[in-house]
């Protein structure tokens, strides 16, 4: 996927997260990270 397309998806997910947090009256905004592939996934969960 191109970086422009990934950036658009990341922005969309951030907006959804923010609106959902507002609707549920949360004071904590979860961090949503868009991963491009499995290698990125392992780096998130297995950082040493």
N, C-alpha and C. Protein backbone atom coordinates (compact mmCIF):
# COMPACT_ATOMS: atom_id res chain seq x y z
N UNK A 1 0.85 -1.18 0.00
CA UNK A 1 0.00 0.00 0.00
C UNK A 1 0.89 1.24 0.00
N UNK A 2 0.48 2.26 -0.70
CA UNK A 2 1.26 3.48 -0.75
C UNK A 2 1.20 4.25 0.56
N UNK A 3 2.21 5.07 0.79
CA UNK A 3 2.28 5.82 2.05
C UNK A 3 1.13 6.83 2.17
N UNK A 4 0.68 7.37 1.04
CA UNK A 4 -0.44 8.31 1.08
C UNK A 4 -1.72 7.61 1.52
N UNK A 5 -1.94 6.40 1.01
CA UNK A 5 -3.12 5.64 1.35
C UNK A 5 -3.08 5.22 2.83
N UNK A 6 -1.90 4.80 3.30
CA UNK A 6 -1.75 4.43 4.71
C UNK A 6 -1.99 5.63 5.62
N UNK A 7 -1.51 6.79 5.20
CA UNK A 7 -1.71 8.00 5.98
C UNK A 7 -3.19 8.34 6.11
N UNK A 8 -3.93 8.21 5.01
CA UNK A 8 -5.37 8.47 5.03
C UNK A 8 -6.09 7.50 5.97
N UNK A 9 -5.70 6.23 5.93
CA UNK A 9 -6.31 5.23 6.81
C UNK A 9 -6.01 5.54 8.27
N UNK A 10 -4.76 5.95 8.55
CA UNK A 10 -4.37 6.28 9.92
C UNK A 10 -5.20 7.46 10.42
N UNK A 11 -5.38 8.48 9.60
CA UNK A 11 -6.17 9.65 9.98
C UNK A 11 -7.62 9.25 10.25
N UNK A 12 -8.16 8.37 9.42
CA UNK A 12 -9.54 7.90 9.60
C UNK A 12 -9.69 7.15 10.92
N UNK A 13 -8.75 6.27 11.22
CA UNK A 13 -8.81 5.51 12.47
C UNK A 13 -8.68 6.42 13.69
N UNK A 14 -7.82 7.44 13.60
CA UNK A 14 -7.66 8.38 14.71
C UNK A 14 -8.95 9.15 14.96
N UNK A 15 -9.63 9.55 13.88
CA UNK A 15 -10.89 10.29 14.00
C UNK A 15 -11.96 9.40 14.63
N UNK A 16 -12.05 8.15 14.18
CA UNK A 16 -13.03 7.22 14.75
C UNK A 16 -12.75 7.00 16.23
N UNK A 17 -11.49 6.83 16.58
CA UNK A 17 -11.10 6.62 17.98
C UNK A 17 -11.49 7.81 18.84
N UNK A 18 -11.22 9.01 18.35
CA UNK A 18 -11.54 10.22 19.10
C UNK A 18 -13.05 10.35 19.29
N UNK A 19 -13.82 10.14 18.24
CA UNK A 19 -15.27 10.26 18.35
C UNK A 19 -15.87 9.20 19.27
N UNK A 20 -15.34 7.99 19.21
CA UNK A 20 -15.82 6.92 20.08
C UNK A 20 -15.51 7.23 21.54
N UNK A 21 -14.34 7.78 21.81
CA UNK A 21 -13.97 8.15 23.17
C UNK A 21 -14.88 9.26 23.70
N UNK A 22 -15.20 10.22 22.84
CA UNK A 22 -16.11 11.29 23.25
C UNK A 22 -17.50 10.75 23.55
N UNK A 23 -18.01 9.86 22.71
CA UNK A 23 -19.34 9.30 22.90
C UNK A 23 -19.44 8.48 24.18
N UNK A 24 -18.37 7.80 24.53
CA UNK A 24 -18.39 6.97 25.74
C UNK A 24 -17.89 7.75 26.95
N UNK A 25 -17.63 9.03 26.77
CA UNK A 25 -17.18 9.94 27.83
C UNK A 25 -15.91 9.45 28.51
N UNK A 26 -14.98 8.98 27.73
CA UNK A 26 -13.69 8.53 28.25
C UNK A 26 -12.73 9.71 28.33
N UNK A 27 -11.94 9.73 29.36
CA UNK A 27 -10.91 10.77 29.46
C UNK A 27 -9.60 10.29 28.84
N UNK A 28 -9.51 8.99 28.60
CA UNK A 28 -8.31 8.38 28.01
C UNK A 28 -8.57 8.09 26.54
N UNK A 29 -7.68 8.54 25.68
CA UNK A 29 -7.80 8.29 24.24
C UNK A 29 -6.83 7.16 23.86
N UNK A 30 -7.35 6.01 23.44
CA UNK A 30 -6.48 4.89 23.08
C UNK A 30 -5.58 5.24 21.90
N UNK A 31 -4.40 4.65 21.89
CA UNK A 31 -3.46 4.85 20.80
C UNK A 31 -3.72 3.79 19.73
N UNK A 32 -4.02 4.22 18.52
CA UNK A 32 -4.28 3.30 17.42
C UNK A 32 -3.15 3.43 16.42
N UNK A 33 -2.51 2.30 16.13
CA UNK A 33 -1.39 2.30 15.20
C UNK A 33 -1.72 1.40 14.02
N UNK A 34 -1.57 1.94 12.84
CA UNK A 34 -1.81 1.17 11.62
C UNK A 34 -0.52 0.46 11.25
N UNK A 35 -0.59 -0.86 11.12
CA UNK A 35 0.59 -1.66 10.80
C UNK A 35 0.54 -2.06 9.33
N UNK A 36 1.67 -1.93 8.66
CA UNK A 36 1.72 -2.23 7.23
C UNK A 36 1.90 -3.71 6.94
N UNK A 37 2.55 -4.44 7.87
CA UNK A 37 2.79 -5.86 7.62
C UNK A 37 3.04 -6.60 8.94
N UNK A 38 3.27 -7.92 8.84
CA UNK A 38 3.48 -8.74 10.03
C UNK A 38 4.75 -8.36 10.78
N UNK A 39 5.75 -7.90 10.08
CA UNK A 39 7.01 -7.51 10.70
C UNK A 39 6.77 -6.34 11.66
N UNK A 40 5.93 -5.40 11.26
CA UNK A 40 5.58 -4.28 12.13
C UNK A 40 4.85 -4.76 13.37
N UNK A 41 4.00 -5.76 13.20
CA UNK A 41 3.25 -6.31 14.32
C UNK A 41 4.18 -6.90 15.37
N UNK A 42 5.16 -7.67 14.92
CA UNK A 42 6.08 -8.28 15.87
C UNK A 42 6.92 -7.22 16.58
N UNK A 43 7.23 -6.12 15.92
CA UNK A 43 8.02 -5.07 16.57
C UNK A 43 7.22 -4.35 17.65
N UNK A 44 5.90 -4.32 17.53
CA UNK A 44 5.05 -3.68 18.54
C UNK A 44 4.97 -4.54 19.79
N UNK A 45 4.82 -5.86 19.62
CA UNK A 45 4.61 -6.75 20.75
C UNK A 45 5.89 -7.33 21.34
N UNK A 46 6.96 -7.36 20.58
CA UNK A 46 8.17 -8.02 21.05
C UNK A 46 9.37 -7.08 21.09
N UNK A 47 9.15 -5.88 21.59
CA UNK A 47 10.26 -4.94 21.72
C UNK A 47 11.09 -5.31 22.94
N UNK A 48 12.40 -5.31 22.77
CA UNK A 48 13.30 -5.69 23.86
C UNK A 48 14.09 -4.49 24.28
